[in-house]
N, C-alpha and C. Protein backbone atom coordinates (compact mmCIF):
# COMPACT_ATOMS: atom_id res chain seq x y z
N MET A 1 13.27 -3.35 -8.90
CA MET A 1 12.80 -2.16 -8.50
C MET A 1 13.30 -1.38 -9.63
N SER A 2 12.18 -0.66 -10.65
CA SER A 2 13.09 0.42 -11.75
C SER A 2 13.77 1.45 -11.04
N SER A 3 14.07 2.21 -12.08
CA SER A 3 14.64 3.52 -11.84
C SER A 3 13.98 4.60 -11.87
N LYS A 4 12.56 4.20 -12.21
CA LYS A 4 11.63 5.60 -12.38
C LYS A 4 11.23 6.25 -11.00
N ARG A 5 10.87 7.15 -10.84
CA ARG A 5 10.68 7.92 -9.91
C ARG A 5 9.34 7.83 -9.54
N LEU A 6 9.02 7.87 -8.15
CA LEU A 6 7.52 7.43 -7.70
C LEU A 6 7.12 9.01 -7.94
N SER A 7 5.42 8.67 -7.88
CA SER A 7 5.05 10.02 -8.13
C SER A 7 4.17 10.64 -7.18
N LEU A 8 4.95 11.00 -6.17
CA LEU A 8 4.38 11.55 -4.95
C LEU A 8 3.38 12.80 -5.03
N ASP A 9 2.80 12.91 -4.28
CA ASP A 9 1.81 14.27 -4.24
C ASP A 9 1.45 14.88 -2.77
N GLY A 10 0.38 15.66 -2.62
CA GLY A 10 0.40 16.33 -1.30
C GLY A 10 0.33 15.17 -0.29
N GLY A 11 -0.16 13.89 -0.64
CA GLY A 11 -0.64 12.99 0.42
C GLY A 11 1.18 12.55 1.24
N PHE A 12 2.17 13.12 0.83
CA PHE A 12 3.46 12.79 0.91
C PHE A 12 3.96 14.04 1.23
N TYR A 13 4.10 15.09 0.65
CA TYR A 13 4.50 16.07 1.14
C TYR A 13 4.12 16.78 2.32
N VAL A 14 2.33 16.96 2.51
CA VAL A 14 1.91 17.83 3.45
C VAL A 14 2.50 17.15 4.70
N PRO A 15 2.29 15.96 4.83
CA PRO A 15 2.66 15.29 6.30
C PRO A 15 4.32 15.10 6.38
N ALA A 16 5.40 15.28 5.28
CA ALA A 16 6.87 15.11 5.65
C ALA A 16 7.19 16.84 6.27
N VAL A 17 6.07 17.83 5.52
CA VAL A 17 6.65 19.18 6.08
C VAL A 17 6.11 19.36 7.34
N LEU A 18 5.15 18.74 7.67
CA LEU A 18 4.52 18.92 9.42
C LEU A 18 5.45 17.93 10.34
N ALA A 19 6.14 16.92 9.56
CA ALA A 19 6.85 16.07 10.21
C ALA A 19 8.20 16.97 10.43
N ILE A 20 8.63 17.91 9.77
CA ILE A 20 9.72 18.65 10.11
C ILE A 20 9.38 19.47 11.24
N ILE A 21 8.21 20.63 10.93
CA ILE A 21 7.78 21.32 12.19
C ILE A 21 7.56 20.66 13.09
N THR A 22 7.16 19.43 13.36
CA THR A 22 6.80 18.64 14.47
C THR A 22 8.07 18.23 15.23
N LEU A 23 9.28 17.85 14.18
CA LEU A 23 10.63 17.84 14.87
C LEU A 23 11.22 18.97 15.64
N VAL A 24 10.85 20.21 15.03
CA VAL A 24 11.20 21.53 15.46
C VAL A 24 10.82 21.70 16.94
N TYR A 25 9.62 21.60 16.88
CA TYR A 25 8.71 21.73 18.24
C TYR A 25 9.27 21.00 19.04
N LEU A 26 9.47 19.65 19.08
CA LEU A 26 10.01 18.44 19.77
C LEU A 26 11.29 19.13 20.15
N VAL A 27 12.02 19.43 19.46
CA VAL A 27 13.18 20.16 19.97
C VAL A 27 13.21 20.85 21.06
N SER A 28 12.37 22.01 20.63
CA SER A 28 12.12 23.21 21.28
C SER A 28 11.39 22.71 22.88
N ALA A 29 10.37 21.81 22.84
CA ALA A 29 10.06 21.31 24.01
C ALA A 29 11.01 20.58 24.74
N MET A 30 11.81 19.83 24.27
CA MET A 30 12.85 18.90 25.12
C MET A 30 13.83 20.13 25.85
N GLN A 31 14.17 21.48 25.21
CA GLN A 31 14.99 22.38 25.87
C GLN A 31 14.15 23.21 27.40
N ILE A 32 12.53 22.55 27.38
CA ILE A 32 12.35 23.33 28.67
C ILE A 32 12.70 22.61 29.89
N GLY A 33 12.88 21.14 29.51
CA GLY A 33 13.38 20.22 30.58
C GLY A 33 13.01 18.90 30.39
N THR A 34 13.04 18.08 31.46
CA THR A 34 12.76 16.83 31.46
C THR A 34 11.27 16.64 31.64
N PRO A 35 10.54 15.83 30.96
CA PRO A 35 8.77 15.60 31.24
C PRO A 35 8.57 14.93 32.50
N MET A 36 9.41 14.53 33.11
CA MET A 36 9.22 14.22 34.35
C MET A 36 10.26 14.02 35.57
N LYS A 37 10.03 14.55 36.74
CA LYS A 37 10.70 14.73 37.64
C LYS A 37 10.30 14.65 39.10
N ASP A 38 10.90 13.60 39.74
CA ASP A 38 10.48 13.19 40.90
C ASP A 38 9.20 12.66 40.96
N GLY A 39 9.00 11.78 39.90
CA GLY A 39 7.89 11.15 39.82
C GLY A 39 6.14 11.97 39.35
N ASN A 40 6.60 13.36 39.13
CA ASN A 40 5.63 14.33 38.58
C ASN A 40 6.06 14.66 37.25
N MET A 41 4.86 15.25 36.50
CA MET A 41 4.89 15.86 35.14
C MET A 41 5.20 17.21 35.36
N THR A 42 6.26 17.34 34.51
CA THR A 42 6.64 18.86 34.53
C THR A 42 5.88 19.66 33.31
N PRO A 43 5.99 20.63 32.57
CA PRO A 43 5.65 21.51 31.78
C PRO A 43 5.86 21.14 30.41
N SER A 44 7.10 20.35 30.62
CA SER A 44 7.53 19.83 29.25
C SER A 44 6.55 18.41 28.59
N PHE A 45 6.09 17.65 29.89
CA PHE A 45 5.44 16.72 29.47
C PHE A 45 4.85 16.50 28.30
N PHE A 46 3.62 17.54 28.38
CA PHE A 46 2.83 17.33 27.20
C PHE A 46 2.77 17.39 25.84
N PRO A 47 3.81 18.68 25.88
CA PRO A 47 4.42 19.18 24.65
C PRO A 47 5.38 17.78 23.66
N ILE A 48 5.89 17.17 24.65
CA ILE A 48 6.82 16.28 24.48
C ILE A 48 6.02 14.77 23.87
N THR A 49 5.16 14.70 24.67
CA THR A 49 4.34 13.56 24.39
C THR A 49 3.63 13.68 23.13
N ALA A 50 2.89 15.09 23.19
CA ALA A 50 1.93 15.51 21.84
C ALA A 50 3.01 14.92 20.71
N ALA A 51 4.08 16.01 20.76
CA ALA A 51 5.12 15.75 19.58
C ALA A 51 5.52 14.55 19.14
N VAL A 52 5.77 13.66 19.89
CA VAL A 52 6.39 12.09 19.68
C VAL A 52 4.63 11.42 19.19
N ILE A 53 4.06 11.28 19.81
CA ILE A 53 2.69 10.72 19.09
C ILE A 53 2.28 11.58 17.47
N MET A 54 2.61 12.65 17.48
CA MET A 54 2.24 13.48 16.30
C MET A 54 3.21 13.02 15.16
N LEU A 55 4.55 12.52 15.55
CA LEU A 55 5.75 12.36 14.70
C LEU A 55 5.53 10.86 13.99
N ILE A 56 5.08 10.03 14.80
CA ILE A 56 4.64 8.83 14.83
C ILE A 56 3.54 8.71 13.74
N ALA A 57 2.58 9.32 13.92
CA ALA A 57 1.44 9.12 12.94
C ALA A 57 1.91 10.06 11.97
N LEU A 58 2.58 10.69 11.47
CA LEU A 58 3.06 11.60 10.39
C LEU A 58 4.20 10.20 9.72
N VAL A 59 4.90 9.58 10.20
CA VAL A 59 5.38 8.68 9.73
C VAL A 59 4.72 7.53 8.99
N CYS A 60 3.61 7.35 9.81
CA CYS A 60 2.90 6.24 9.43
C CYS A 60 2.16 6.59 8.07
N ALA A 61 1.92 8.19 7.92
CA ALA A 61 1.31 8.76 7.10
C ALA A 61 2.01 8.70 5.70
N ILE A 62 3.27 9.06 6.05
CA ILE A 62 4.22 8.89 5.03
C ILE A 62 4.58 7.76 4.22
N VAL A 63 4.80 6.68 5.10
CA VAL A 63 5.00 5.25 4.76
C VAL A 63 3.80 4.93 3.76
N GLN A 64 2.63 5.06 4.49
CA GLN A 64 1.27 4.58 3.80
C GLN A 64 1.42 5.25 2.10
N GLU A 65 1.59 6.54 2.27
CA GLU A 65 1.43 6.97 1.12
C GLU A 65 2.88 6.68 0.05
N ILE A 66 3.87 6.53 0.11
CA ILE A 66 4.81 5.84 -0.47
C ILE A 66 4.29 4.32 -1.10
N ARG A 67 3.71 3.66 -0.22
CA ARG A 67 3.27 2.47 -0.59
C ARG A 67 2.06 2.56 -1.56
N ARG A 68 1.21 3.48 -1.18
CA ARG A 68 0.25 3.69 -2.47
C ARG A 68 0.76 4.05 -3.87
N ALA A 69 1.84 5.18 -3.71
CA ALA A 69 2.65 5.46 -4.90
C ALA A 69 3.17 4.25 -5.48
N ARG A 70 3.56 3.52 -4.89
CA ARG A 70 4.19 2.41 -5.45
C ARG A 70 3.50 1.27 -6.11
N SER A 71 2.18 1.15 -5.66
CA SER A 71 1.06 0.40 -6.00
C SER A 71 0.73 0.96 -7.09
N ILE A 72 0.41 2.23 -7.12
CA ILE A 72 -0.26 3.05 -8.53
C ILE A 72 0.65 2.93 -9.68
N ASP A 73 2.39 3.12 -9.14
CA ASP A 73 3.10 3.12 -10.57
C ASP A 73 3.32 1.69 -10.95
N THR A 74 3.33 0.82 -9.87
CA THR A 74 3.28 -0.77 -10.51
C THR A 74 1.98 -1.12 -11.48
N GLU A 75 0.84 -0.61 -10.84
CA GLU A 75 -0.29 -0.64 -11.83
C GLU A 75 -0.56 0.25 -12.92
N LYS A 76 0.13 1.21 -13.23
CA LYS A 76 0.40 1.77 -14.60
C LYS A 76 1.33 1.33 -15.32
N THR A 77 2.03 0.36 -14.87
CA THR A 77 3.19 -0.21 -15.95
C THR A 77 2.23 -1.02 -17.02
N GLY A 78 1.40 -1.58 -16.45
CA GLY A 78 0.22 -2.30 -17.26
C GLY A 78 -0.64 -1.76 -17.63
N GLU A 79 -1.37 -0.74 -17.75
CA GLU A 79 -2.14 0.16 -18.49
C GLU A 79 -1.66 1.07 -19.43
N ALA A 80 -3.31 1.06 -20.51
CA ALA A 80 -3.01 1.72 -21.44
C ALA A 80 -2.60 3.30 -21.21
N PRO A 81 -2.04 3.80 -22.19
CA PRO A 81 -1.89 5.11 -22.00
C PRO A 81 -3.02 6.06 -21.93
N GLY A 82 -3.20 6.89 -20.90
CA GLY A 82 -4.45 7.53 -20.85
C GLY A 82 -5.19 6.98 -19.74
N SER A 83 -5.19 5.85 -19.66
CA SER A 83 -6.06 5.05 -18.16
C SER A 83 -5.76 5.95 -17.12
N GLU A 84 -7.15 6.14 -16.39
CA GLU A 84 -6.90 7.01 -15.06
C GLU A 84 -7.06 5.85 -13.98
N GLU A 85 -7.21 4.45 -14.16
CA GLU A 85 -7.62 3.46 -13.02
C GLU A 85 -6.58 3.85 -11.95
N GLY A 86 -5.57 4.08 -12.25
CA GLY A 86 -4.77 4.46 -10.69
C GLY A 86 -4.40 5.38 -10.12
N GLU A 87 -5.31 6.55 -10.56
CA GLU A 87 -5.66 7.88 -10.00
C GLU A 87 -6.21 7.85 -8.50
N LYS A 88 -5.53 8.71 -7.93
CA LYS A 88 -6.41 8.59 -6.40
C LYS A 88 -7.57 9.42 -6.41
N GLU A 89 -8.54 8.72 -5.86
CA GLU A 89 -9.73 9.69 -5.57
C GLU A 89 -9.91 10.65 -5.15
N GLY A 90 -10.82 11.41 -5.67
CA GLY A 90 -10.80 12.83 -4.97
C GLY A 90 -10.10 14.19 -5.74
N LYS A 91 -10.26 15.25 -5.59
CA LYS A 91 -9.99 16.29 -6.29
C LYS A 91 -8.70 16.94 -5.32
N ASN A 92 -7.88 17.26 -6.27
CA ASN A 92 -6.58 18.05 -5.66
C ASN A 92 -6.35 19.53 -6.24
N VAL A 93 -5.88 20.21 -5.24
CA VAL A 93 -5.58 21.42 -5.37
C VAL A 93 -4.16 21.52 -5.55
N ALA A 94 -3.41 21.91 -6.58
CA ALA A 94 -1.54 21.70 -6.31
C ALA A 94 -1.39 20.44 -5.69
N GLY A 95 -1.52 19.45 -6.10
CA GLY A 95 -1.28 18.43 -5.41
C GLY A 95 -1.72 17.73 -4.02
N ILE A 96 -2.53 18.90 -3.54
CA ILE A 96 -3.29 18.49 -2.22
C ILE A 96 -4.62 18.23 -2.16
N SER A 97 -4.89 17.55 -1.40
CA SER A 97 -6.14 16.95 -1.81
C SER A 97 -7.28 18.17 -0.80
N LEU A 98 -8.63 18.04 -1.17
CA LEU A 98 -9.28 18.95 -1.08
C LEU A 98 -9.73 18.84 0.39
N GLY A 99 -9.53 17.65 0.95
CA GLY A 99 -9.98 17.35 2.04
C GLY A 99 -8.72 17.79 3.26
N ALA A 100 -7.46 17.79 2.56
CA ALA A 100 -6.26 17.99 3.58
C ALA A 100 -6.52 19.76 3.76
N ILE A 101 -6.67 20.42 2.51
CA ILE A 101 -7.09 21.77 2.58
C ILE A 101 -8.24 22.17 3.73
N CYS A 102 -9.37 21.54 3.55
CA CYS A 102 -10.49 21.53 4.41
C CYS A 102 -10.02 21.46 5.88
N VAL A 103 -9.26 20.41 6.17
CA VAL A 103 -8.80 20.30 7.49
C VAL A 103 -8.00 21.37 8.27
N ALA A 104 -7.06 21.79 7.34
CA ALA A 104 -6.10 22.69 7.48
C ALA A 104 -7.01 24.04 7.86
N LEU A 105 -7.97 24.47 7.00
CA LEU A 105 -8.58 25.47 6.96
C LEU A 105 -9.53 25.72 8.36
N LEU A 106 -9.93 24.31 8.76
CA LEU A 106 -10.65 24.12 10.09
C LEU A 106 -10.02 24.35 11.21
N THR A 107 -8.91 23.66 11.36
CA THR A 107 -7.69 23.74 12.11
C THR A 107 -7.41 25.36 12.20
N ALA A 108 -7.11 26.01 11.62
CA ALA A 108 -6.65 27.52 11.34
C ALA A 108 -7.93 28.28 12.12
N GLY A 109 -9.39 27.61 11.88
CA GLY A 109 -10.54 28.63 12.17
C GLY A 109 -10.85 28.37 13.71
N TYR A 110 -10.01 26.73 14.14
CA TYR A 110 -10.22 26.46 15.64
C TYR A 110 -9.25 27.28 16.51
N LEU A 111 -8.22 27.41 15.86
CA LEU A 111 -6.93 28.34 16.58
C LEU A 111 -7.54 29.70 16.96
N LEU A 112 -8.20 30.19 15.86
CA LEU A 112 -8.65 31.87 16.23
C LEU A 112 -9.55 31.86 17.04
N ALA A 113 -10.92 30.72 16.76
CA ALA A 113 -12.00 30.74 17.59
C ALA A 113 -11.81 30.72 19.01
N PHE A 114 -10.47 29.86 19.52
CA PHE A 114 -10.31 29.36 20.86
C PHE A 114 -10.23 30.32 21.98
N ASP A 115 -9.48 31.49 21.29
CA ASP A 115 -9.63 32.57 22.87
C ASP A 115 -10.59 33.40 22.53
N LEU A 116 -11.28 33.31 21.35
CA LEU A 116 -12.49 34.15 21.33
C LEU A 116 -13.48 33.84 21.83
N ILE A 117 -14.00 32.62 21.35
CA ILE A 117 -15.25 32.15 22.10
C ILE A 117 -15.07 30.92 23.17
N GLY A 118 -14.06 30.75 23.56
CA GLY A 118 -13.96 29.67 24.41
C GLY A 118 -13.66 28.38 24.09
N TYR A 119 -13.24 27.49 24.83
CA TYR A 119 -12.85 25.86 24.61
C TYR A 119 -14.07 25.43 24.22
N PHE A 120 -15.29 25.32 25.02
CA PHE A 120 -16.39 24.52 25.00
C PHE A 120 -16.90 24.78 23.42
N VAL A 121 -17.24 26.25 23.04
CA VAL A 121 -18.01 26.13 21.63
C VAL A 121 -17.23 25.63 20.46
N SER A 122 -15.77 26.26 20.81
CA SER A 122 -14.78 26.27 19.45
C SER A 122 -14.59 24.67 19.30
N THR A 123 -13.96 23.94 20.50
CA THR A 123 -13.85 22.58 20.56
C THR A 123 -15.00 21.59 19.89
N PHE A 124 -16.43 22.15 20.69
CA PHE A 124 -17.79 21.25 20.10
C PHE A 124 -17.69 21.33 18.40
N LEU A 125 -17.32 22.50 18.14
CA LEU A 125 -17.96 22.66 16.66
C LEU A 125 -16.60 22.34 15.89
N TYR A 126 -15.54 22.51 16.05
CA TYR A 126 -14.09 22.05 15.48
C TYR A 126 -14.38 20.17 15.15
N VAL A 127 -14.54 19.49 16.51
CA VAL A 127 -14.57 18.09 16.64
C VAL A 127 -15.80 17.80 15.59
N LEU A 128 -17.12 18.50 15.97
CA LEU A 128 -18.10 18.19 15.19
C LEU A 128 -18.19 18.14 13.37
N LEU A 129 -17.31 19.24 12.76
CA LEU A 129 -16.92 19.81 11.49
C LEU A 129 -15.90 18.73 11.10
N LEU A 130 -15.29 18.58 11.83
CA LEU A 130 -13.91 17.42 11.54
C LEU A 130 -14.64 16.05 11.24
N MET A 131 -15.93 15.74 12.11
CA MET A 131 -16.52 14.38 11.76
C MET A 131 -17.64 14.27 10.69
N PHE A 132 -17.87 15.46 10.23
CA PHE A 132 -18.46 15.74 9.12
C PHE A 132 -17.73 15.61 7.92
N GLN A 133 -16.20 15.92 7.98
CA GLN A 133 -15.47 15.83 6.99
C GLN A 133 -15.16 14.76 6.57
N PHE A 134 -14.52 13.71 7.70
CA PHE A 134 -14.17 12.50 7.64
C PHE A 134 -15.43 11.33 7.27
N GLY A 135 -16.63 11.75 7.84
CA GLY A 135 -17.69 10.94 7.52
C GLY A 135 -18.86 11.43 6.48
N SER A 136 -19.76 10.98 6.75
CA SER A 136 -20.92 11.51 5.84
C SER A 136 -22.00 12.11 6.69
N PHE A 137 -22.68 12.99 5.91
CA PHE A 137 -23.68 13.61 6.75
C PHE A 137 -25.26 13.33 6.52
N SER A 138 -25.52 12.75 7.30
CA SER A 138 -27.06 11.88 7.50
C SER A 138 -27.66 12.32 8.71
N VAL A 139 -28.87 12.27 8.64
CA VAL A 139 -29.82 12.59 10.04
C VAL A 139 -29.88 11.51 11.03
N LYS A 140 -29.62 10.06 10.07
CA LYS A 140 -29.54 8.96 11.10
C LYS A 140 -28.20 9.08 12.06
N SER A 141 -27.29 9.29 11.36
CA SER A 141 -25.91 9.32 12.25
C SER A 141 -25.57 10.88 13.03
N LEU A 142 -26.54 11.95 13.22
CA LEU A 142 -26.15 12.91 13.73
C LEU A 142 -26.27 12.95 15.22
N PRO A 143 -27.30 12.20 15.73
CA PRO A 143 -27.13 12.13 17.13
C PRO A 143 -25.95 11.52 17.85
N MET A 144 -25.63 10.34 17.03
CA MET A 144 -24.06 9.49 17.34
C MET A 144 -23.27 10.67 17.46
N LYS A 145 -22.97 11.44 16.45
CA LYS A 145 -21.96 12.25 15.94
C LYS A 145 -21.90 13.59 17.44
N LEU A 146 -23.40 14.12 17.47
CA LEU A 146 -23.24 14.74 18.33
C LEU A 146 -22.78 14.14 19.93
N ILE A 147 -23.11 12.88 20.25
CA ILE A 147 -22.95 12.43 21.59
C ILE A 147 -21.39 12.18 21.48
N ALA A 148 -20.55 11.86 20.43
CA ALA A 148 -19.34 11.69 20.33
C ALA A 148 -18.58 12.87 20.38
N THR A 149 -19.00 13.85 20.00
CA THR A 149 -18.79 15.01 19.96
C THR A 149 -18.56 15.89 21.31
N PHE A 150 -19.71 15.61 22.15
CA PHE A 150 -19.79 15.95 23.76
C PHE A 150 -18.80 15.22 24.58
N ILE A 151 -18.42 13.89 24.13
CA ILE A 151 -17.60 13.18 24.68
C ILE A 151 -16.34 13.69 24.78
N VAL A 152 -15.93 13.63 23.44
CA VAL A 152 -14.56 14.09 22.97
C VAL A 152 -14.43 15.50 23.63
N THR A 153 -15.24 16.51 23.61
CA THR A 153 -14.99 17.88 23.92
C THR A 153 -15.04 17.69 25.89
N GLY A 154 -15.80 16.88 26.40
CA GLY A 154 -15.86 16.71 27.68
C GLY A 154 -14.23 16.33 28.19
N ALA A 155 -14.00 15.25 27.43
CA ALA A 155 -12.82 14.47 27.89
C ALA A 155 -11.64 15.39 27.75
N GLY A 156 -11.45 16.37 26.89
CA GLY A 156 -10.43 17.22 26.51
C GLY A 156 -10.35 18.49 27.83
N PHE A 157 -11.72 18.69 28.31
CA PHE A 157 -11.82 19.86 29.36
C PHE A 157 -11.09 18.97 30.69
N LEU A 158 -11.72 17.83 30.94
CA LEU A 158 -11.22 17.06 31.87
C LEU A 158 -9.77 16.88 32.26
N LEU A 159 -9.06 16.47 30.84
CA LEU A 159 -7.79 16.35 30.55
C LEU A 159 -7.05 17.62 30.98
N PHE A 160 -7.24 18.45 30.56
CA PHE A 160 -6.46 19.69 30.73
C PHE A 160 -6.96 20.41 32.24
N GLU A 161 -8.35 20.73 32.22
CA GLU A 161 -8.79 21.36 33.68
C GLU A 161 -8.20 20.82 34.77
N VAL A 162 -8.52 19.27 34.74
CA VAL A 162 -8.54 18.53 35.87
C VAL A 162 -7.10 17.88 36.25
N PHE A 163 -6.58 17.31 34.99
CA PHE A 163 -5.54 16.60 35.17
C PHE A 163 -4.35 17.41 35.08
N PHE A 164 -3.99 18.18 33.96
CA PHE A 164 -3.09 19.38 34.20
C PHE A 164 -3.31 20.45 34.63
N GLN A 165 -4.18 20.57 35.21
CA GLN A 165 -4.64 21.77 35.79
C GLN A 165 -4.07 23.30 35.14
N VAL A 166 -4.67 23.27 33.66
CA VAL A 166 -4.63 24.44 33.02
C VAL A 166 -5.75 24.87 32.90
N ARG A 167 -6.01 26.24 33.04
CA ARG A 167 -7.32 26.90 33.14
C ARG A 167 -7.46 27.26 31.19
N LEU A 168 -8.61 26.62 30.95
CA LEU A 168 -9.28 26.85 29.49
C LEU A 168 -10.03 28.01 29.02
N PRO A 169 -9.73 28.85 28.16
CA PRO A 169 -10.92 30.05 27.68
C PRO A 169 -12.12 29.49 27.75
N THR A 170 -12.83 30.35 28.30
CA THR A 170 -14.50 30.13 28.05
C THR A 170 -15.24 31.22 27.68
N LEU A 171 -16.45 30.95 27.21
CA LEU A 171 -17.25 31.92 26.50
C LEU A 171 -17.60 33.12 27.36
N TRP A 172 -17.90 32.66 28.87
CA TRP A 172 -18.27 33.23 30.04
C TRP A 172 -17.45 33.96 30.85
N GLY A 173 -15.83 33.69 30.51
CA GLY A 173 -14.96 34.64 31.42
C GLY A 173 -14.25 33.99 31.75
């Protein structure tokens, strides 16, 4: 292993910062109380579960980015100067990919719209726009994306309204 530093970019730093924020959130959620009491879920169950799942996903993203950076650095040692073969695909702004910026903006918009226009409309639009962000836009794939969006939106509604008995905001009151 060489003493050369890995060239890490937003693919590492964004998940790392999110992991720190999620860790703080997890500690706060644990202060609410135990997730289970007498065989029933308590108010801390969902926040703790969500934080643990998020931390696992973020650690996986960080490890994947470190592996990617190592493989690029290894490839670059054999490349001619000025070669861009090892460069990451896509455009970056200040080391953060445009895709990550787009997802952050969509999420911020979703959070703002959630109370204003309700769960169904905001969640449906958010999930659909995320599908277009991570996939391609084609007329052939539109029906499947709409069906998947309805399923995700409906599953979220059932999870919160029916199982957790959390009232979600709606457009109609």
